[in-house]
C-alpha atoms as a PDB file:
ATOM      1  CA  UNK A   1     -33.805  19.441  48.800  1.00  0.00           C
ATOM      2  CA  UNK A   2     -32.174  20.955  45.753  1.00  0.00           C
ATOM      3  CA  UNK A   3     -29.671  18.598  44.087  1.00  0.00           C
ATOM      4  CA  UNK A   4     -28.516  21.153  41.575  1.00  0.00           C
ATOM      5  CA  UNK A   5     -25.409  22.835  42.845  1.00  0.00           C
ATOM      6  CA  UNK A   6     -23.486  25.557  41.188  1.00  0.00           C
ATOM      7  CA  UNK A   7     -19.862  24.711  40.830  1.00  0.00           C
ATOM      8  CA  UNK A   8     -17.163  27.152  39.963  1.00  0.00           C
ATOM      9  CA  UNK A   9     -15.346  25.451  37.119  1.00  0.00           C
ATOM     10  CA  UNK A  10     -12.307  27.044  35.534  1.00  0.00           C
ATOM     11  CA  UNK A  11     -11.767  25.991  31.960  1.00  0.00           C
ATOM     12  CA  UNK A  12      -8.127  25.753  31.062  1.00  0.00           C
ATOM     13  CA  UNK A  13      -7.607  26.651  27.457  1.00  0.00           C
ATOM     14  CA  UNK A  14      -4.382  24.750  26.911  1.00  0.00           C
ATOM     15  CA  UNK A  15      -5.824  22.535  24.194  1.00  0.00           C
ATOM     16  CA  UNK A  16      -4.614  23.082  20.657  1.00  0.00           C
ATOM     17  CA  UNK A  17      -6.826  25.184  18.469  1.00  0.00           C
ATOM     18  CA  UNK A  18      -6.685  22.669  15.638  1.00  0.00           C
ATOM     19  CA  UNK A  19      -6.759  18.910  15.939  1.00  0.00           C
ATOM     20  CA  UNK A  20      -3.849  17.231  14.195  1.00  0.00           C
ATOM     21  CA  UNK A  21      -4.819  15.440  11.045  1.00  0.00           C
ATOM     22  CA  UNK A  22      -2.878  13.216   8.717  1.00  0.00           C
ATOM     23  CA  UNK A  23      -2.457  16.056   6.290  1.00  0.00           C
ATOM     24  CA  UNK A  24      -0.745  18.218   8.903  1.00  0.00           C
ATOM     25  CA  UNK A  25       1.661  15.495   9.953  1.00  0.00           C
ATOM     26  CA  UNK A  26       4.973  14.801   8.308  1.00  0.00           C
ATOM     27  CA  UNK A  27       4.426  12.921   5.062  1.00  0.00           C
ATOM     28  CA  UNK A  28       6.354   9.720   4.472  1.00  0.00           C
ATOM     29  CA  UNK A  29       7.961   9.917   1.016  1.00  0.00           C
ATOM     30  CA  UNK A  30       7.724   6.153   0.658  1.00  0.00           C
ATOM     31  CA  UNK A  31       3.903   6.341   0.807  1.00  0.00           C
ATOM     32  CA  UNK A  32       3.484   8.899  -1.925  1.00  0.00           C
ATOM     33  CA  UNK A  33       1.622   7.570  -4.936  1.00  0.00           C
ATOM     34  CA  UNK A  34       0.359   4.428  -3.184  1.00  0.00           C
ATOM     35  CA  UNK A  35      -3.249   3.382  -2.948  1.00  0.00           C
ATOM     36  CA  UNK A  36      -4.956   3.212   0.431  1.00  0.00           C
ATOM     37  CA  UNK A  37      -4.607  -0.579   0.522  1.00  0.00           C
ATOM     38  CA  UNK A  38      -0.888  -0.368  -0.261  1.00  0.00           C
ATOM     39  CA  UNK A  39      -0.405   2.227   2.492  1.00  0.00           C
ATOM     40  CA  UNK A  40      -2.147  -0.008   5.013  1.00  0.00           C
ATOM     41  CA  UNK A  41      -0.110  -3.013   3.905  1.00  0.00           C
ATOM     42  CA  UNK A  42       3.087  -0.971   4.248  1.00  0.00           C
ATOM     43  CA  UNK A  43       2.146   0.068   7.795  1.00  0.00           C
ATOM     44  CA  UNK A  44       1.347  -3.523   8.781  1.00  0.00           C
ATOM     45  CA  UNK A  45       4.610  -4.764   7.249  1.00  0.00           C
ATOM     46  CA  UNK A  46       6.599  -2.128   9.129  1.00  0.00           C
ATOM     47  CA  UNK A  47       4.939  -3.064  12.411  1.00  0.00           C
ATOM     48  CA  UNK A  48       5.595  -6.777  11.889  1.00  0.00           C
ATOM     49  CA  UNK A  49       9.201  -6.020  10.975  1.00  0.00           C
ATOM     50  CA  UNK A  50       9.626  -3.974  14.142  1.00  0.00           C
ATOM     51  CA  UNK A  51       8.585  -6.957  16.287  1.00  0.00           C
ATOM     52  CA  UNK A  52      10.867  -9.384  14.522  1.00  0.00           C
ATOM     53  CA  UNK A  53      10.841 -13.171  14.557  1.00  0.00           C
ATOM     54  CA  UNK A  54      11.070 -14.675  17.992  1.00  0.00           C
ATOM     55  CA  UNK A  55      11.528 -18.261  19.063  1.00  0.00           C
ATOM     56  CA  UNK A  56       7.782 -18.913  19.020  1.00  0.00           C
ATOM     57  CA  UNK A  57       7.346 -17.490  15.499  1.00  0.00           C
ATOM     58  CA  UNK A  58      10.128 -19.717  14.162  1.00  0.00           C
ATOM     59  CA  UNK A  59       8.526 -22.781  15.754  1.00  0.00           C
ATOM     60  CA  UNK A  60       5.176 -21.958  14.149  1.00  0.00           C
ATOM     61  CA  UNK A  61       6.853 -21.237  10.800  1.00  0.00           C
ATOM     62  CA  UNK A  62       8.600 -24.621  10.692  1.00  0.00           C
ATOM     63  CA  UNK A  63       5.615 -26.509  12.088  1.00  0.00           C
ATOM     64  CA  UNK A  64       3.303 -25.130   9.408  1.00  0.00           C
ATOM     65  CA  UNK A  65       5.944 -25.614   6.719  1.00  0.00           C
ATOM     66  CA  UNK A  66       6.478 -29.273   7.605  1.00  0.00           C
ATOM     67  CA  UNK A  67       2.734 -29.839   7.825  1.00  0.00           C
ATOM     68  CA  UNK A  68       2.311 -28.394   4.351  1.00  0.00           C
ATOM     69  CA  UNK A  69       5.189 -30.532   3.047  1.00  0.00           C
ATOM     70  CA  UNK A  70       3.730 -33.722   4.513  1.00  0.00           C
ATOM     71  CA  UNK A  71       0.324 -32.893   3.043  1.00  0.00           C
ATOM     72  CA  UNK A  72       1.815 -32.496  -0.438  1.00  0.00           C
ATOM     73  CA  UNK A  73       3.963 -35.618  -0.138  1.00  0.00           C
ATOM     74  CA  UNK A  74       0.990 -37.668   1.014  1.00  0.00           C
ATOM     75  CA  UNK A  75      -0.950 -36.599  -2.078  1.00  0.00           C
ATOM     76  CA  UNK A  76       1.982 -37.444  -4.350  1.00  0.00           C
ATOM     77  CA  UNK A  77       2.484 -40.849  -2.726  1.00  0.00           C
ATOM     78  CA  UNK A  78      -0.711 -42.213  -4.266  1.00  0.00           C
ATOM     79  CA  UNK A  79       0.473 -41.275  -7.739  1.00  0.00           C
ATOM     80  CA  UNK A  80       3.889 -42.814  -7.157  1.00  0.00           C
ATOM     81  CA  UNK A  81       2.723 -46.149  -5.746  1.00  0.00           C
ATOM     82  CA  UNK A  82      -0.310 -46.691  -7.976  1.00  0.00           C
ATOM     83  CA  UNK A  83       1.555 -48.352 -10.899  1.00  0.00           C
ATOM     84  CA  UNK A  84       3.568 -50.586  -8.561  1.00  0.00           C
ATOM     85  CA  UNK A  85       0.441 -51.692  -6.669  1.00  0.00           C
ATOM     86  CA  UNK A  86      -1.423 -52.420  -9.901  1.00  0.00           C
ATOM     87  CA  UNK A  87       1.496 -54.446 -11.228  1.00  0.00           C
ATOM     88  CA  UNK A  88       2.076 -56.327  -7.945  1.00  0.00           C
ATOM     89  CA  UNK A  89      -1.517 -57.304  -7.288  1.00  0.00           C
ATOM     90  CA  UNK A  90      -2.604 -57.636 -10.907  1.00  0.00           C
ATOM     91  CA  UNK A  91      -5.524 -55.261 -11.070  1.00  0.00           C
ATOM     92  CA  UNK A  92      -6.034 -52.183 -13.160  1.00  0.00           C
ATOM     93  CA  UNK A  93      -8.387 -50.535 -15.515  1.00  0.00           C
ATOM     94  CA  UNK A  94     -10.719 -47.637 -15.365  1.00  0.00           C
ATOM     95  CA  UNK A  95     -12.491 -48.210 -11.989  1.00  0.00           C
ATOM     96  CA  UNK A  96      -9.215 -48.434 -10.062  1.00  0.00           C
ATOM     97  CA  UNK A  97      -7.917 -45.273 -11.661  1.00  0.00           C
ATOM     98  CA  UNK A  98     -10.939 -43.457 -10.271  1.00  0.00           C
ATOM     99  CA  UNK A  99     -10.282 -44.872  -6.795  1.00  0.00           C
ATOM    100  CA  UNK A 100      -6.679 -43.655  -6.774  1.00  0.00           C
ATOM    101  CA  UNK A 101      -7.714 -40.334  -8.247  1.00  0.00           C
ATOM    102  CA  UNK A 102     -10.317 -39.874  -5.504  1.00  0.00           C
ATOM    103  CA  UNK A 103      -7.695 -40.670  -2.822  1.00  0.00           C
ATOM    104  CA  UNK A 104      -5.377 -38.091  -4.311  1.00  0.00           C
ATOM    105  CA  UNK A 105      -8.086 -35.421  -4.408  1.00  0.00           C
ATOM    106  CA  UNK A 106      -9.177 -35.984  -0.817  1.00  0.00           C
ATOM    107  CA  UNK A 107      -5.670 -35.432   0.515  1.00  0.00           C
ATOM    108  CA  UNK A 108      -5.317 -31.961  -0.932  1.00  0.00           C
END
């Protein structure tokens, strides 16, 4: 049994003779003189701007912002309370400075 069959195939030649390239497209005057990285960044910024900020994006923005604020305030709290704790409980000196410094570094 012969599996090779001859089909009559008509090729429609409606395809363009030349594939469109970036050079043939309309140039954006805002992109002239920019590096490749700057062009990509501009395209990404335009796409993000076209989507806008929805309810979810605002929630994430404020959640991350408050988390960052709390992280910074927690690190500053050790520096603010250290002198009062040393005065209240009557300890101080070089070893305790290292302890408070280590607590401040681990919170950042």
